[in-house]
PDB file of N, CA and C in Angstrom:
ATOM      1  N   MET A   1       0.850  -1.172   0.000  1.00  0.00           N
ATOM      2  CA  MET A   1       0.000   0.000   0.000  1.00  0.00           C
ATOM      3  C   MET A   1       0.896   1.235   0.000  1.00  0.00           C
ATOM      4  N   MET A   2       0.520   2.235  -0.777  1.00  0.00           N
ATOM      5  CA  MET A   2       1.273   3.472  -0.829  1.00  0.00           C
ATOM      6  C   MET A   2       0.923   4.319   0.386  1.00  0.00           C
ATOM      7  N   SER A   3       1.918   5.020   0.883  1.00  0.00           N
ATOM      8  CA  SER A   3       1.637   5.921   1.989  1.00  0.00           C
ATOM      9  C   SER A   3       2.327   7.246   1.723  1.00  0.00           C
ATOM     10  N   GLY A   4       2.062   8.212   2.571  1.00  0.00           N
ATOM     11  CA  GLY A   4       2.672   9.516   2.385  1.00  0.00           C
ATOM     12  C   GLY A   4       1.746  10.441   1.643  1.00  0.00           C
ATOM     13  N   PRO A   5       2.269  11.610   1.246  1.00  0.00           N
ATOM     14  CA  PRO A   5       1.410  12.633   0.652  1.00  0.00           C
ATOM     15  C   PRO A   5       1.010  12.354  -0.790  1.00  0.00           C
ATOM     16  N   PHE A   6       1.740  11.503  -1.525  1.00  0.00           N
ATOM     17  CA  PHE A   6       1.424  11.341  -2.945  1.00  0.00           C
ATOM     18  C   PHE A   6      -0.011  10.899  -3.219  1.00  0.00           C
ATOM     19  N   PRO A   7      -0.481   9.787  -2.638  1.00  0.00           N
ATOM     20  CA  PRO A   7      -1.853   9.366  -2.971  1.00  0.00           C
ATOM     21  C   PRO A   7      -2.903  10.421  -2.646  1.00  0.00           C
ATOM     22  N   ALA A   8      -2.635  11.246  -1.650  1.00  0.00           N
ATOM     23  CA  ALA A   8      -3.593  12.276  -1.255  1.00  0.00           C
ATOM     24  C   ALA A   8      -3.515  13.514  -2.125  1.00  0.00           C
ATOM     25  N   SER A   9      -2.525  13.582  -3.013  1.00  0.00           N
ATOM     26  CA  SER A   9      -2.347  14.802  -3.795  1.00  0.00           C
ATOM     27  C   SER A   9      -2.601  14.634  -5.290  1.00  0.00           C
ATOM     28  N   VAL A  10      -2.979  13.456  -5.735  1.00  0.00           N
ATOM     29  CA  VAL A  10      -3.210  13.235  -7.164  1.00  0.00           C
ATOM     30  C   VAL A  10      -4.462  13.991  -7.605  1.00  0.00           C
ATOM     31  N   PRO A  11      -4.333  14.920  -8.574  1.00  0.00           N
ATOM     32  CA  PRO A  11      -5.520  15.633  -9.068  1.00  0.00           C
ATOM     33  C   PRO A  11      -6.449  14.670  -9.824  1.00  0.00           C
ATOM     34  N   HIS A  12      -7.721  14.714  -9.506  1.00  0.00           N
ATOM     35  CA  HIS A  12      -8.689  13.824 -10.162  1.00  0.00           C
ATOM     36  C   HIS A  12      -8.732  14.038 -11.668  1.00  0.00           C
ATOM     37  N   SER A  13      -8.652  15.284 -12.110  1.00  0.00           N
ATOM     38  CA  SER A  13      -8.751  15.547 -13.551  1.00  0.00           C
ATOM     39  C   SER A  13      -7.605  14.893 -14.309  1.00  0.00           C
ATOM     40  N   LEU A  14      -6.402  14.941 -13.766  1.00  0.00           N
ATOM     41  CA  LEU A  14      -5.264  14.320 -14.445  1.00  0.00           C
ATOM     42  C   LEU A  14      -5.354  12.801 -14.405  1.00  0.00           C
ATOM     43  N   LEU A  15      -5.849  12.269 -13.304  1.00  0.00           N
ATOM     44  CA  LEU A  15      -6.001  10.822 -13.214  1.00  0.00           C
ATOM     45  C   LEU A  15      -7.046  10.319 -14.204  1.00  0.00           C
ATOM     46  N   LEU A  16      -8.142  11.047 -14.345  1.00  0.00           N
ATOM     47  CA  LEU A  16      -9.165  10.651 -15.319  1.00  0.00           C
ATOM     48  C   LEU A  16      -8.636  10.745 -16.749  1.00  0.00           C
ATOM     49  N   LYS A  17      -7.777  11.721 -17.031  1.00  0.00           N
ATOM     50  CA  LYS A  17      -7.145  11.801 -18.351  1.00  0.00           C
ATOM     51  C   LYS A  17      -6.250  10.592 -18.587  1.00  0.00           C
ATOM     52  N   ALA A  18      -5.548  10.156 -17.547  1.00  0.00           N
ATOM     53  CA  ALA A  18      -4.693   8.978 -17.665  1.00  0.00           C
ATOM     54  C   ALA A  18      -5.519   7.731 -17.954  1.00  0.00           C
ATOM     55  N   VAL A  19      -6.651   7.591 -17.279  1.00  0.00           N
ATOM     56  CA  VAL A  19      -7.532   6.446 -17.523  1.00  0.00           C
ATOM     57  C   VAL A  19      -8.097   6.524 -18.942  1.00  0.00           C
ATOM     58  N   ALA A  20      -8.518   7.703 -19.359  1.00  0.00           N
ATOM     59  CA  ALA A  20      -9.081   7.874 -20.700  1.00  0.00           C
ATOM     60  C   ALA A  20      -8.047   7.580 -21.780  1.00  0.00           C
ATOM     61  N   HIS A  21      -6.781   7.781 -21.479  1.00  0.00           N
ATOM     62  CA  HIS A  21      -5.711   7.478 -22.425  1.00  0.00           C
ATOM     63  C   HIS A  21      -5.655   5.985 -22.735  1.00  0.00           C
ATOM     64  N   HIS A  22      -6.070   5.159 -21.760  1.00  0.00           N
ATOM     65  CA  HIS A  22      -5.971   3.708 -21.899  1.00  0.00           C
ATOM     66  C   HIS A  22      -7.284   3.010 -22.231  1.00  0.00           C
ATOM     67  N   THR A  23      -8.394   3.738 -22.200  1.00  0.00           N
ATOM     68  CA  THR A  23      -9.673   3.111 -22.537  1.00  0.00           C
ATOM     69  C   THR A  23     -10.620   4.154 -23.116  1.00  0.00           C
ATOM     70  N   SER A  24     -11.483   3.694 -23.975  1.00  0.00           N
ATOM     71  CA  SER A  24     -12.535   4.568 -24.497  1.00  0.00           C
ATOM     72  C   SER A  24     -13.905   4.140 -23.958  1.00  0.00           C
ATOM     73  N   GLU A  25     -13.900   3.185 -23.061  1.00  0.00           N
ATOM     74  CA  GLU A  25     -15.150   2.697 -22.469  1.00  0.00           C
ATOM     75  C   GLU A  25     -15.689   3.729 -21.485  1.00  0.00           C
ATOM     76  N   ARG A  26     -16.855   4.279 -21.798  1.00  0.00           N
ATOM     77  CA  ARG A  26     -17.444   5.311 -20.946  1.00  0.00           C
ATOM     78  C   ARG A  26     -17.755   4.807 -19.547  1.00  0.00           C
ATOM     79  N   TRP A  27     -18.168   3.528 -19.440  1.00  0.00           N
ATOM     80  CA  TRP A  27     -18.524   2.999 -18.126  1.00  0.00           C
ATOM     81  C   TRP A  27     -17.301   2.930 -17.213  1.00  0.00           C
ATOM     82  N   VAL A  28     -16.127   2.661 -17.775  1.00  0.00           N
ATOM     83  CA  VAL A  28     -14.914   2.628 -16.956  1.00  0.00           C
ATOM     84  C   VAL A  28     -14.637   4.017 -16.397  1.00  0.00           C
ATOM     85  N   LEU A  29     -14.731   5.025 -17.259  1.00  0.00           N
ATOM     86  CA  LEU A  29     -14.503   6.397 -16.816  1.00  0.00           C
ATOM     87  C   LEU A  29     -15.535   6.821 -15.772  1.00  0.00           C
ATOM     88  N   LEU A  30     -16.772   6.395 -15.952  1.00  0.00           N
ATOM     89  CA  LEU A  30     -17.832   6.718 -14.998  1.00  0.00           C
ATOM     90  C   LEU A  30     -17.548   6.106 -13.628  1.00  0.00           C
ATOM     91  N   TYR A  31     -17.186   4.821 -13.611  1.00  0.00           N
ATOM     92  CA  TYR A  31     -16.925   4.160 -12.336  1.00  0.00           C
ATOM     93  C   TYR A  31     -15.699   4.745 -11.642  1.00  0.00           C
ATOM     94  N   VAL A  32     -14.641   5.027 -12.391  1.00  0.00           N
ATOM     95  CA  VAL A  32     -13.444   5.618 -11.792  1.00  0.00           C
ATOM     96  C   VAL A  32     -13.775   6.996 -11.231  1.00  0.00           C
ATOM     97  N   SER A  33     -14.543   7.775 -11.982  1.00  0.00           N
ATOM     98  CA  SER A  33     -14.938   9.102 -11.518  1.00  0.00           C
ATOM     99  C   SER A  33     -15.752   9.015 -10.228  1.00  0.00           C
ATOM    100  N   ARG A  34     -16.687   8.097 -10.183  1.00  0.00           N
ATOM    101  CA  ARG A  34     -17.507   7.927  -8.971  1.00  0.00           C
ATOM    102  C   ARG A  34     -16.661   7.472  -7.797  1.00  0.00           C
ATOM    103  N   TRP A  35     -15.728   6.580  -8.055  1.00  0.00           N
ATOM    104  CA  TRP A  35     -14.864   6.067  -6.995  1.00  0.00           C
ATOM    105  C   TRP A  35     -13.995   7.185  -6.434  1.00  0.00           C
ATOM    106  N   LEU A  36     -13.442   8.014  -7.330  1.00  0.00           N
ATOM    107  CA  LEU A  36     -12.593   9.110  -6.885  1.00  0.00           C
ATOM    108  C   LEU A  36     -13.366  10.171  -6.104  1.00  0.00           C
ATOM    109  N   ASN A  37     -14.590  10.433  -6.515  1.00  0.00           N
ATOM    110  CA  ASN A  37     -15.373  11.516  -5.928  1.00  0.00           C
ATOM    111  C   ASN A  37     -16.229  11.095  -4.737  1.00  0.00           C
ATOM    112  N   ALA A  38     -16.186   9.829  -4.372  1.00  0.00           N
ATOM    113  CA  ALA A  38     -16.972   9.373  -3.221  1.00  0.00           C
ATOM    114  C   ALA A  38     -16.476  10.078  -1.964  1.00  0.00           C
ATOM    115  N   PRO A  39     -17.382  10.585  -1.143  1.00  0.00           N
ATOM    116  CA  PRO A  39     -16.948  11.291   0.069  1.00  0.00           C
ATOM    117  C   PRO A  39     -16.321  10.329   1.081  1.00  0.00           C
ATOM    118  N   VAL A  40     -15.549  10.897   1.977  1.00  0.00           N
ATOM    119  CA  VAL A  40     -14.901  10.144   3.048  1.00  0.00           C
ATOM    120  C   VAL A  40     -15.766  10.253   4.294  1.00  0.00           C
ATOM    121  N   GLN A  41     -16.060   9.116   4.915  1.00  0.00           N
ATOM    122  CA  GLN A  41     -16.817   9.156   6.166  1.00  0.00           C
ATOM    123  C   GLN A  41     -15.831   9.183   7.330  1.00  0.00           C
ATOM    124  N   MET A  42     -15.944  10.215   8.143  1.00  0.00           N
ATOM    125  CA  MET A  42     -15.075  10.404   9.290  1.00  0.00           C
ATOM    126  C   MET A  42     -15.569   9.539  10.455  1.00  0.00           C
ATOM    127  N   PRO A  43     -14.716   9.304  11.462  1.00  0.00           N
ATOM    128  CA  PRO A  43     -15.129   8.467  12.595  1.00  0.00           C
ATOM    129  C   PRO A  43     -16.402   8.948  13.297  1.00  0.00           C
ATOM    130  N   ASP A  44     -16.658  10.260  13.256  1.00  0.00           N
ATOM    131  CA  ASP A  44     -17.871  10.770  13.908  1.00  0.00           C
ATOM    132  C   ASP A  44     -19.107  10.684  13.017  1.00  0.00           C
ATOM    133  N   GLY A  45     -18.935  10.132  11.810  1.00  0.00           N
ATOM    134  CA  GLY A  45     -20.069   9.936  10.903  1.00  0.00           C
ATOM    135  C   GLY A  45     -20.255  11.028   9.867  1.00  0.00           C
ATOM    136  N   THR A  46     -19.558  12.147  10.001  1.00  0.00           N
ATOM    137  CA  THR A  46     -19.698  13.216   9.010  1.00  0.00           C
ATOM    138  C   THR A  46     -19.056  12.794   7.691  1.00  0.00           C
ATOM    139  N   MET A  47     -19.602  13.322   6.615  1.00  0.00           N
ATOM    140  CA  MET A  47     -19.100  13.016   5.277  1.00  0.00           C
ATOM    141  C   MET A  47     -18.314  14.220   4.774  1.00  0.00           C
ATOM    142  N   VAL A  48     -17.092  13.970   4.324  1.00  0.00           N
ATOM    143  CA  VAL A  48     -16.219  15.030   3.839  1.00  0.00           C
ATOM    144  C   VAL A  48     -15.990  14.820   2.345  1.00  0.00           C
ATOM    145  N   PRO A  49     -16.284  15.836   1.528  1.00  0.00           N
ATOM    146  CA  PRO A  49     -16.074  15.670   0.086  1.00  0.00           C
ATOM    147  C   PRO A  49     -14.591  15.502  -0.237  1.00  0.00           C
ATOM    148  N   ARG A  50     -14.321  14.756  -1.283  1.00  0.00           N
ATOM    149  CA  ARG A  50     -12.949  14.520  -1.718  1.00  0.00           C
ATOM    150  C   ARG A  50     -12.740  15.273  -3.027  1.00  0.00           C
ATOM    151  N   GLU A  51     -11.718  16.114  -3.092  1.00  0.00           N
ATOM    152  CA  GLU A  51     -11.458  16.906  -4.287  1.00  0.00           C
ATOM    153  C   GLU A  51     -10.211  16.464  -5.023  1.00  0.00           C
ATOM    154  N   LYS A  52      -9.312  15.772  -4.339  1.00  0.00           N
ATOM    155  CA  LYS A  52      -8.122  15.235  -4.975  1.00  0.00           C
ATOM    156  C   LYS A  52      -7.658  14.042  -4.173  1.00  0.00           C
ATOM    157  N   GLY A  53      -6.755  13.282  -4.725  1.00  0.00           N
ATOM    158  CA  GLY A  53      -6.224  12.110  -4.047  1.00  0.00           C
ATOM    159  C   GLY A  53      -6.964  10.848  -4.445  1.00  0.00           C
ATOM    160  N   THR A  54      -6.340   9.716  -4.139  1.00  0.00           N
ATOM    161  CA  THR A  54      -6.944   8.428  -4.452  1.00  0.00           C
ATOM    162  C   THR A  54      -7.402   7.770  -3.166  1.00  0.00           C
ATOM    163  N   PRO A  55      -8.559   7.095  -3.189  1.00  0.00           N
ATOM    164  CA  PRO A  55      -9.036   6.400  -2.001  1.00  0.00           C
ATOM    165  C   PRO A  55      -8.035   5.321  -1.580  1.00  0.00           C
ATOM    166  N   GLN A  56      -7.792   5.194  -0.304  1.00  0.00           N
ATOM    167  CA  GLN A  56      -6.825   4.226   0.207  1.00  0.00           C
ATOM    168  C   GLN A  56      -7.523   3.124   0.978  1.00  0.00           C
ATOM    169  N   GLY A  57      -6.888   1.953   0.995  1.00  0.00           N
ATOM    170  CA  GLY A  57      -7.380   0.865   1.824  1.00  0.00           C
ATOM    171  C   GLY A  57      -8.025  -0.280   1.084  1.00  0.00           C
ATOM    172  N   SER A  58      -8.281  -0.145  -0.206  1.00  0.00           N
ATOM    173  CA  SER A  58      -8.872  -1.252  -0.946  1.00  0.00           C
ATOM    174  C   SER A  58      -7.786  -1.937  -1.768  1.00  0.00           C
ATOM    175  N   PRO A  59      -8.049  -3.133  -2.265  1.00  0.00           N
ATOM    176  CA  PRO A  59      -7.050  -3.840  -3.068  1.00  0.00           C
ATOM    177  C   PRO A  59      -6.641  -3.088  -4.336  1.00  0.00           C
ATOM    178  N   VAL A  60      -7.504  -2.230  -4.856  1.00  0.00           N
ATOM    179  CA  VAL A  60      -7.170  -1.508  -6.083  1.00  0.00           C
ATOM    180  C   VAL A  60      -6.585  -0.124  -5.820  1.00  0.00           C
ATOM    181  N   SER A  61      -6.375   0.244  -4.564  1.00  0.00           N
ATOM    182  CA  SER A  61      -5.880   1.576  -4.238  1.00  0.00           C
ATOM    183  C   SER A  61      -4.583   1.966  -4.949  1.00  0.00           C
ATOM    184  N   PRO A  62      -3.588   1.090  -5.044  1.00  0.00           N
ATOM    185  CA  PRO A  62      -2.341   1.496  -5.711  1.00  0.00           C
ATOM    186  C   PRO A  62      -2.493   1.691  -7.218  1.00  0.00           C
ATOM    187  N   LEU A  63      -3.497   1.083  -7.804  1.00  0.00           N
ATOM    188  CA  LEU A  63      -3.651   1.122  -9.262  1.00  0.00           C
ATOM    189  C   LEU A  63      -3.770   2.535  -9.832  1.00  0.00           C
ATOM    190  N   PRO A  64      -4.656   3.386  -9.340  1.00  0.00           N
ATOM    191  CA  PRO A  64      -4.761   4.717  -9.940  1.00  0.00           C
ATOM    192  C   PRO A  64      -3.488   5.549  -9.786  1.00  0.00           C
ATOM    193  N   ALA A  65      -2.841   5.449  -8.646  1.00  0.00           N
ATOM    194  CA  ALA A  65      -1.609   6.217  -8.451  1.00  0.00           C
ATOM    195  C   ALA A  65      -0.514   5.716  -9.384  1.00  0.00           C
ATOM    196  N   ASN A  66      -0.401   4.414  -9.540  1.00  0.00           N
ATOM    197  CA  ASN A  66       0.610   3.865 -10.445  1.00  0.00           C
ATOM    198  C   ASN A  66       0.312   4.232 -11.896  1.00  0.00           C
ATOM    199  N   LEU A  67      -0.947   4.212 -12.282  1.00  0.00           N
ATOM    200  CA  LEU A  67      -1.326   4.609 -13.634  1.00  0.00           C
ATOM    201  C   LEU A  67      -0.985   6.075 -13.867  1.00  0.00           C
ATOM    202  N   PHE A  68      -1.278   6.909 -12.901  1.00  0.00           N
ATOM    203  CA  PHE A  68      -0.961   8.326 -13.005  1.00  0.00           C
ATOM    204  C   PHE A  68       0.540   8.530 -13.180  1.00  0.00           C
ATOM    205  N   LEU A  69       1.342   7.847 -12.378  1.00  0.00           N
ATOM    206  CA  LEU A  69       2.803   7.965 -12.487  1.00  0.00           C
ATOM    207  C   LEU A  69       3.290   7.457 -13.837  1.00  0.00           C
ATOM    208  N   HIS A  70       2.720   6.371 -14.308  1.00  0.00           N
ATOM    209  CA  HIS A  70       3.112   5.783 -15.589  1.00  0.00           C
ATOM    210  C   HIS A  70       2.898   6.771 -16.730  1.00  0.00           C
ATOM    211  N   VAL A  71       1.740   7.381 -16.783  1.00  0.00           N
ATOM    212  CA  VAL A  71       1.411   8.317 -17.856  1.00  0.00           C
ATOM    213  C   VAL A  71       2.188   9.620 -17.675  1.00  0.00           C
ATOM    214  N   ARG A  72       2.275  10.084 -16.454  1.00  0.00           N
ATOM    215  CA  ARG A  72       2.962  11.366 -16.191  1.00  0.00           C
ATOM    216  C   ARG A  72       4.442  11.326 -16.545  1.00  0.00           C
ATOM    217  N   HIS A  73       5.071  10.191 -16.320  1.00  0.00           N
ATOM    218  CA  HIS A  73       6.504  10.066 -16.584  1.00  0.00           C
ATOM    219  C   HIS A  73       6.801   9.411 -17.924  1.00  0.00           C
ATOM    220  N   GLY A  74       5.764   9.179 -18.718  1.00  0.00           N
ATOM    221  CA  GLY A  74       5.951   8.667 -20.067  1.00  0.00           C
ATOM    222  C   GLY A  74       6.533   7.275 -20.153  1.00  0.00           C
ATOM    223  N   CYS A  75       6.245   6.438 -19.190  1.00  0.00           N
ATOM    224  CA  CYS A  75       6.779   5.063 -19.199  1.00  0.00           C
ATOM    225  C   CYS A  75       6.059   4.196 -20.199  1.00  0.00           C
TER     226      CYS A  75
END
């Protein structure tokens, strides 16, 4: 699992461009967009909107950050 400031600082717009670079399937872009924009539930139950960064803690969490790095660095 990635830690530190990087996963929390990935701009959603750039990540969606990276995903769109690899697929033209609208449903994939829709699901990734929904996943990125899902609010964070705090321990007290309040919901905090997410404006940047990748959700952490799921098996697919490293995937968006790695894809972003791959496209950004031209690998």
